[in-house]
Amino acid sequence: MNEKQDDIRVIVVDDHLVVREGLRMMLEIAGEGFTLVGDAADGAAALCVIEELQPDVVLMDLRMPGMDGLEAITQIRERWPHIAIVILTTYNEDDLMLRGLRAGACGYLLKDTDRETLFHAIRAAARGDLLLQPEIMARILARTTDAPQSTPLRSQAEELTERECEVLEAVARGERSKEIASRLGISLRTVGSHLTSIYTKLGVDSRASAVATGIERGLLSR
């Protein structure tokens, strides 16, 4: 392992050795820019590795024996809020994925992803960006919208203003604050104020958890 000062330090947490080794090979092939500093097969082991190595980005599986990914994400966010967590998911884990975003992950990555998508995701996570792939979001929103609702969507959305709903939908599309400001014709400071209000009203502390909560409450449309 030839780690350079500016490399993004990565840890992979997955109970399948083939997944951990596959990701290791992909990062090593990348050459410069990434260093896989460690890995773990469950959440409890991951906490020990993270405490020792202090990575920039953690790639986290959700289904693992012992401490699962959801609990690990919660504890990482409580102890090391500066570390970015990206969920490793499959196409049949929508509910778990939303719970992971709610717990504090910054986005998700499919386990069968290609190299360029992996590299982009890690770089984006290290920058603090939100990682929501449009095709997966569309599927989740379609499923959520089609599901029977106990109360009308509009009554669920009353706690957010119309502009706040627009900002939340833009965040769900993966837009950055600058892009939101430009499209809506408002200042960056105003976007920040809307995000702060959204976080307060939804009881969350990040863009990812705001989107997850918005989906769960039926605040986002297709």
Protein backbone atom coordinates (compact mmCIF):
# COMPACT_ATOMS: atom_id res chain seq x y z
CA MET A 1 0.00 0.00 0.00
CA ASN A 2 1.64 3.24 -1.16
CA GLU A 3 -0.36 5.97 0.49
CA LYS A 4 0.19 9.56 -0.59
CA GLN A 5 -0.63 12.60 1.48
CA ASP A 6 -3.51 13.76 -0.73
CA ASP A 7 -5.06 10.31 -1.26
CA ILE A 8 -8.64 9.74 -0.15
CA ARG A 9 -8.44 7.16 2.63
CA VAL A 10 -11.10 4.46 2.26
CA ILE A 11 -12.37 1.61 4.45
CA VAL A 12 -14.68 -1.13 3.11
CA VAL A 13 -17.14 -2.85 5.47
CA ASP A 14 -18.83 -5.96 4.05
CA ASP A 15 -19.22 -9.51 5.32
CA HIS A 16 -18.44 -10.96 1.88
CA LEU A 17 -14.72 -11.33 1.22
CA VAL A 18 -15.25 -11.25 -2.55
CA VAL A 19 -16.84 -7.78 -2.28
CA ARG A 20 -14.02 -6.43 -0.12
CA GLU A 21 -11.35 -7.87 -2.38
CA GLY A 22 -13.11 -6.69 -5.52
CA LEU A 23 -13.27 -3.13 -4.26
CA ARG A 24 -9.65 -3.33 -3.15
CA MET A 25 -8.58 -4.34 -6.65
CA MET A 26 -10.62 -1.56 -8.26
CA LEU A 27 -9.05 1.07 -6.00
CA GLU A 28 -5.55 -0.29 -6.53
CA ILE A 29 -6.04 -0.24 -10.30
CA ALA A 30 -7.06 3.42 -10.04
CA GLY A 31 -3.47 4.25 -9.17
CA GLU A 32 -3.27 7.70 -7.64
CA GLY A 33 -6.06 9.32 -5.66
CA PHE A 34 -7.28 6.52 -3.40
CA THR A 35 -5.87 4.31 -0.66
CA LEU A 36 -7.80 1.42 0.85
CA VAL A 37 -6.41 1.65 4.37
CA GLY A 38 -8.47 -1.16 5.90
CA ASP A 39 -11.58 -3.32 5.82
CA ALA A 40 -13.95 -5.11 8.18
CA ALA A 41 -16.52 -7.91 8.00
CA ASP A 42 -19.08 -6.45 10.43
CA GLY A 43 -20.09 -3.24 12.12
CA ALA A 44 -18.33 -3.85 15.45
CA ALA A 45 -15.01 -4.58 13.74
CA ALA A 46 -15.54 -1.53 11.53
CA LEU A 47 -15.76 0.78 14.55
CA CYS A 48 -12.40 -0.48 15.81
CA VAL A 49 -10.77 -0.07 12.40
CA ILE A 50 -12.25 3.40 11.91
CA GLU A 51 -11.14 4.54 15.37
CA GLU A 52 -7.58 3.47 14.61
CA LEU A 53 -7.26 4.58 10.99
CA GLN A 54 -9.62 7.59 10.71
CA PRO A 55 -10.53 7.24 7.01
CA ASP A 56 -12.11 9.91 4.85
CA VAL A 57 -14.77 7.61 3.38
CA VAL A 58 -16.39 4.37 4.58
CA LEU A 59 -18.14 2.05 2.11
CA MET A 60 -20.73 0.31 4.30
CA ASP A 61 -22.77 -2.83 3.67
CA LEU A 62 -26.13 -2.95 5.43
CA ARG A 63 -26.79 -6.66 5.95
CA MET A 64 -24.08 -8.18 8.15
CA PRO A 65 -24.01 -10.60 11.10
CA GLY A 66 -23.62 -9.12 14.56
CA MET A 67 -23.72 -5.34 14.37
CA ASP A 68 -25.33 -4.47 11.04
CA GLY A 69 -24.64 -1.49 8.85
CA LEU A 70 -27.48 0.65 10.18
CA GLU A 71 -26.21 0.50 13.74
CA ALA A 72 -22.65 1.07 12.58
CA ILE A 73 -23.69 4.14 10.56
CA THR A 74 -25.48 5.57 13.61
CA GLN A 75 -22.44 5.09 15.84
CA ILE A 76 -20.00 6.46 13.27
CA ARG A 77 -22.08 9.58 12.83
CA GLU A 78 -22.22 10.08 16.60
CA ARG A 79 -18.50 9.54 17.16
CA TRP A 80 -16.92 10.80 13.94
CA PRO A 81 -19.39 13.08 12.12
CA HIS A 82 -16.65 14.27 9.74
CA ILE A 83 -16.29 10.81 8.15
CA ALA A 84 -18.40 10.28 5.01
CA ILE A 85 -20.36 7.02 4.78
CA VAL A 86 -21.54 5.54 1.49
CA ILE A 87 -23.97 2.61 1.64
CA LEU A 88 -23.16 -0.51 -0.39
CA THR A 89 -26.54 -1.73 -1.57
CA THR A 90 -28.35 -4.05 -3.96
CA TYR A 91 -31.51 -3.37 -5.94
CA ASN A 92 -33.79 -5.06 -3.37
CA GLU A 93 -32.75 -2.98 -0.34
CA ASP A 94 -34.76 0.21 -0.80
CA ASP A 95 -36.20 0.25 2.72
CA LEU A 96 -32.87 -0.45 4.37
CA MET A 97 -31.18 2.12 2.17
CA LEU A 98 -33.63 4.84 3.21
CA ARG A 99 -33.03 3.98 6.85
CA GLY A 100 -29.30 4.21 6.24
CA LEU A 101 -29.67 7.67 4.71
CA ARG A 102 -31.84 8.64 7.66
CA ALA A 103 -29.08 7.46 10.00
CA GLY A 104 -26.54 9.73 8.35
CA ALA A 105 -25.04 8.11 5.25
CA CYS A 106 -24.36 10.59 2.45
CA GLY A 107 -25.57 8.29 -0.31
CA TYR A 108 -25.38 4.83 -1.79
CA LEU A 109 -23.43 2.74 -4.24
CA LEU A 110 -24.55 -0.43 -6.00
CA LYS A 111 -22.38 -3.45 -5.29
CA ASP A 112 -22.05 -4.24 -8.99
CA THR A 113 -21.05 -0.70 -9.90
CA ASP A 114 -18.39 0.01 -12.49
CA ARG A 115 -15.00 1.52 -11.75
CA GLU A 116 -15.74 5.07 -12.87
CA THR A 117 -18.94 5.22 -10.82
CA LEU A 118 -17.05 3.94 -7.79
CA PHE A 119 -14.29 6.54 -8.19
CA HIS A 120 -16.80 9.35 -8.72
CA ALA A 121 -18.79 8.29 -5.65
CA ILE A 122 -15.77 8.21 -3.38
CA ARG A 123 -14.52 11.59 -4.59
CA ALA A 124 -17.99 13.12 -4.20
CA ALA A 125 -18.40 11.67 -0.70
CA ALA A 126 -15.00 13.03 0.35
CA ARG A 127 -16.12 16.50 -0.86
CA GLY A 128 -19.29 16.24 1.21
CA ASP A 129 -21.65 15.86 -1.75
CA LEU A 130 -24.92 13.95 -1.68
CA LEU A 131 -24.90 10.71 -3.70
CA LEU A 132 -28.33 9.79 -5.03
CA GLN A 133 -28.41 7.94 -8.34
CA PRO A 134 -31.39 9.22 -10.39
CA GLU A 135 -32.56 5.79 -11.61
CA ILE A 136 -32.74 4.41 -8.07
CA MET A 137 -34.45 7.53 -6.73
CA ALA A 138 -37.04 7.31 -9.51
CA ARG A 139 -37.80 3.70 -8.60
CA ILE A 140 -38.11 4.48 -4.89
CA LEU A 141 -40.32 7.50 -5.52
CA ALA A 142 -42.55 5.52 -7.88
CA ARG A 143 -42.93 2.73 -5.34
CA THR A 144 -43.62 5.19 -2.52
CA THR A 145 -46.11 7.21 -4.54
CA ASP A 146 -47.97 4.09 -5.69
CA ALA A 147 -48.21 2.69 -2.16
CA PRO A 148 -51.47 3.30 -0.24
CA GLN A 149 -51.25 6.43 1.90
CA SER A 150 -52.89 6.67 5.32
CA THR A 151 -53.27 10.45 4.93
CA PRO A 152 -53.27 12.68 1.85
CA LEU A 153 -49.86 13.75 0.59
CA ARG A 154 -50.74 17.44 0.82
CA SER A 155 -51.61 17.21 4.54
CA GLN A 156 -48.28 15.44 5.14
CA ALA A 157 -46.48 18.29 3.40
CA GLU A 158 -48.11 21.14 5.32
CA GLU A 159 -45.10 21.56 7.59
CA LEU A 160 -42.96 22.60 4.62
CA THR A 161 -43.61 25.70 2.53
CA GLU A 162 -43.96 25.42 -1.24
CA ARG A 163 -40.45 26.82 -1.75
CA GLU A 164 -39.02 24.44 0.84
CA CYS A 165 -40.61 21.54 -1.03
CA GLU A 166 -38.99 22.80 -4.24
CA VAL A 167 -35.60 22.93 -2.53
CA LEU A 168 -36.05 19.45 -1.05
CA GLU A 169 -36.99 18.02 -4.46
CA ALA A 170 -33.91 19.67 -5.96
CA VAL A 171 -31.73 18.11 -3.27
CA ALA A 172 -33.29 14.72 -4.05
CA ARG A 173 -32.24 15.18 -7.68
CA GLY A 174 -28.67 15.66 -6.48
CA GLU A 175 -28.45 19.39 -7.20
CA ARG A 176 -25.91 21.43 -5.25
CA SER A 177 -26.81 24.67 -3.49
CA LYS A 178 -25.34 26.77 -6.32
CA GLU A 179 -27.44 24.91 -8.90
CA ILE A 180 -30.58 25.27 -6.77
CA ALA A 181 -29.99 28.99 -6.33
CA SER A 182 -29.48 29.52 -10.07
CA ARG A 183 -32.54 27.53 -11.14
CA LEU A 184 -34.88 29.08 -8.56
CA GLY A 185 -33.47 32.60 -8.91
CA ILE A 186 -32.52 32.96 -5.26
CA SER A 187 -29.26 33.56 -3.41
CA LEU A 188 -27.01 30.88 -1.93
CA ARG A 189 -27.76 32.31 1.49
CA THR A 190 -31.49 31.87 0.89
CA VAL A 191 -30.95 28.25 -0.17
CA GLY A 192 -29.02 27.71 3.05
CA SER A 193 -31.85 29.25 5.08
CA HIS A 194 -34.40 26.99 3.39
CA LEU A 195 -32.24 23.93 4.07
CA THR A 196 -31.87 24.90 7.73
CA SER A 197 -35.65 25.28 8.01
CA ILE A 198 -36.21 21.91 6.28
CA TYR A 199 -33.79 20.19 8.64
CA THR A 200 -35.50 21.71 11.67
CA LYS A 201 -39.02 20.83 10.53
CA LEU A 202 -38.10 17.26 9.58
CA GLY A 203 -35.86 16.70 12.60
CA VAL A 204 -32.77 15.80 10.56
CA ASP A 205 -29.20 17.07 10.20
CA SER A 206 -28.16 16.32 6.62
CA ARG A 207 -29.34 16.45 3.03
CA ALA A 208 -29.46 12.66 2.79
CA SER A 209 -31.56 12.26 5.91
CA ALA A 210 -33.86 15.07 4.72
CA VAL A 211 -34.44 13.24 1.43
CA ALA A 212 -35.00 9.92 3.20
CA THR A 213 -37.51 11.49 5.58
CA GLY A 214 -39.19 13.32 2.71
CA ILE A 215 -39.67 10.05 0.86
CA GLU A 216 -41.01 8.30 3.94
CA ARG A 217 -43.52 11.11 4.56
CA GLY A 218 -44.60 11.36 0.94
CA LEU A 219 -43.22 14.87 0.48
CA LEU A 220 -41.41 14.09 -2.77
CA SER A 221 -43.11 13.45 -6.07
CA ARG A 222 -41.95 11.50 -9.11
